[in-house]
């Protein structure tokens, strides 16, 4: 094992550890992360297999195959972030709506009390 492999494996392990400890997401996300981390470590340790797998899949080089896989992984991440932003927007809209209703009710109560 050479220096770059140690560095890359350590990076994958640190990212996975950070994700598990700090972000604690759904079990599906954790499974996806574990699979991608395992594949990353496998391809780091045995880079010659990427070329074999790529040729079987009809891709010229292993680096190209990994690039295509990364594109799909990043699309997955972008979709997850988009879904999370939409959920946050919905939650914020609901909270603002509830706060506006409470303020309107309290103002109408104050107006009625002043009118007496």
Protein backbone atom coordinates (compact mmCIF):
# COMPACT_ATOMS: atom_id res chain seq x y z
CA UNK A 1 0.00 0.00 0.00
CA UNK A 2 1.44 3.36 -0.99
CA UNK A 3 1.04 6.83 0.49
CA UNK A 4 -1.82 8.04 -1.70
CA UNK A 5 -3.89 4.95 -0.90
CA UNK A 6 -3.46 5.56 2.84
CA UNK A 7 -4.43 9.21 2.40
CA UNK A 8 -7.49 8.40 0.28
CA UNK A 9 -8.72 5.63 2.60
CA UNK A 10 -8.25 7.88 5.63
CA UNK A 11 -10.26 10.60 3.86
CA UNK A 12 -13.11 8.19 3.08
CA UNK A 13 -13.18 6.94 6.68
CA UNK A 14 -13.15 10.50 8.10
CA UNK A 15 -15.99 11.58 5.80
CA UNK A 16 -18.05 8.52 6.71
CA UNK A 17 -17.37 9.04 10.44
CA UNK A 18 -18.32 12.72 10.20
CA UNK A 19 -21.53 11.83 8.39
CA UNK A 20 -22.53 9.23 10.96
CA UNK A 21 -21.66 11.31 14.04
CA UNK A 22 -22.75 14.80 12.95
CA UNK A 23 -25.50 14.40 10.38
CA UNK A 24 -27.35 11.24 11.49
CA UNK A 25 -29.66 10.85 8.56
CA UNK A 26 -32.12 8.19 7.50
CA UNK A 27 -31.07 4.55 7.34
CA UNK A 28 -31.29 4.59 3.53
CA UNK A 29 -28.72 7.40 3.37
CA UNK A 30 -26.47 5.53 5.75
CA UNK A 31 -26.66 2.40 3.60
CA UNK A 32 -25.85 4.39 0.45
CA UNK A 33 -22.92 6.07 2.21
CA UNK A 34 -21.61 2.73 3.46
CA UNK A 35 -21.81 1.20 -0.01
CA UNK A 36 -20.05 4.15 -1.65
CA UNK A 37 -17.39 4.24 1.08
CA UNK A 38 -16.78 0.50 0.74
CA UNK A 39 -16.51 0.81 -3.04
CA UNK A 40 -14.17 3.76 -2.70
CA UNK A 41 -11.87 1.85 -0.37
CA UNK A 42 -12.00 -1.22 -2.64
CA UNK A 43 -11.11 0.82 -5.74
CA UNK A 44 -8.34 2.61 -3.84
CA UNK A 45 -6.79 -0.67 -2.73
CA UNK A 46 -7.28 -2.48 -6.05
CA UNK A 47 -7.24 0.13 -8.85
CA UNK A 48 -6.69 -2.50 -11.54
CA UNK A 49 -10.23 -3.84 -10.98
CA UNK A 50 -11.74 -0.56 -12.09
CA UNK A 51 -10.43 -1.15 -15.61
CA UNK A 52 -11.75 -4.72 -15.65
CA UNK A 53 -15.19 -3.65 -14.43
CA UNK A 54 -15.25 -0.72 -16.85
CA UNK A 55 -14.45 -2.94 -19.83
CA UNK A 56 -17.23 -5.37 -18.84
CA UNK A 57 -19.66 -2.43 -18.66
CA UNK A 58 -18.57 -1.05 -22.01
CA UNK A 59 -16.60 1.92 -20.72
CA UNK A 60 -13.05 2.47 -21.95
CA UNK A 61 -11.19 3.14 -18.70
CA UNK A 62 -11.78 2.65 -15.00
CA UNK A 63 -11.30 6.36 -14.35
CA UNK A 64 -14.16 7.12 -16.74
CA UNK A 65 -16.40 4.61 -14.96
CA UNK A 66 -15.64 6.20 -11.59
CA UNK A 67 -16.33 9.62 -13.07
CA UNK A 68 -19.76 8.47 -14.29
CA UNK A 69 -20.56 6.93 -10.92
CA UNK A 70 -19.56 10.16 -9.18
CA UNK A 71 -21.91 12.13 -11.44
CA UNK A 72 -24.82 9.94 -10.32
CA UNK A 73 -23.74 10.19 -6.68
CA UNK A 74 -23.63 13.99 -6.88
CA UNK A 75 -27.05 14.07 -8.55
CA UNK A 76 -28.33 11.96 -5.63
CA UNK A 77 -26.81 14.45 -3.17
CA UNK A 78 -28.30 17.42 -5.02
CA UNK A 79 -31.75 15.82 -5.03
CA UNK A 80 -31.47 15.09 -1.29
CA UNK A 81 -30.49 18.71 -0.62
CA UNK A 82 -33.33 19.98 -2.81
CA UNK A 83 -35.83 17.82 -0.92
CA UNK A 84 -34.48 19.05 2.41
CA UNK A 85 -34.73 22.69 1.29
CA UNK A 86 -38.32 22.12 0.18
CA UNK A 87 -39.17 20.61 3.58
CA UNK A 88 -37.57 23.56 5.35
CA UNK A 89 -39.50 26.00 3.16
CA UNK A 90 -42.76 24.22 3.97
CA UNK A 91 -42.00 24.25 7.68
CA UNK A 92 -41.06 27.92 7.60
CA UNK A 93 -44.21 28.79 5.65
CA UNK A 94 -46.37 26.95 8.19
CA UNK A 95 -44.66 28.66 11.13
CA UNK A 96 -45.05 32.11 9.57
CA UNK A 97 -48.69 31.38 8.79
CA UNK A 98 -49.38 30.29 12.39
CA UNK A 99 -47.58 33.35 13.77
CA UNK A 100 -49.56 35.67 11.48
CA UNK A 101 -52.85 34.09 12.61
CA UNK A 102 -51.87 34.48 16.29
CA UNK A 103 -50.94 38.13 15.78
CA UNK A 104 -54.15 38.83 13.89
CA UNK A 105 -56.20 37.21 16.66
CA UNK A 106 -54.39 39.16 19.38
CA UNK A 107 -54.84 42.44 17.47
CA UNK A 108 -58.56 41.77 16.98
CA UNK A 109 -58.87 41.05 20.70
CA UNK A 110 -57.09 44.33 21.52
CA UNK A 111 -59.38 46.26 19.16
CA UNK A 112 -62.46 44.74 20.76
CA UNK A 113 -61.20 45.60 24.25
CA UNK A 114 -60.44 49.21 23.21
CA UNK A 115 -63.91 49.54 21.71
CA UNK A 116 -65.64 48.76 25.03
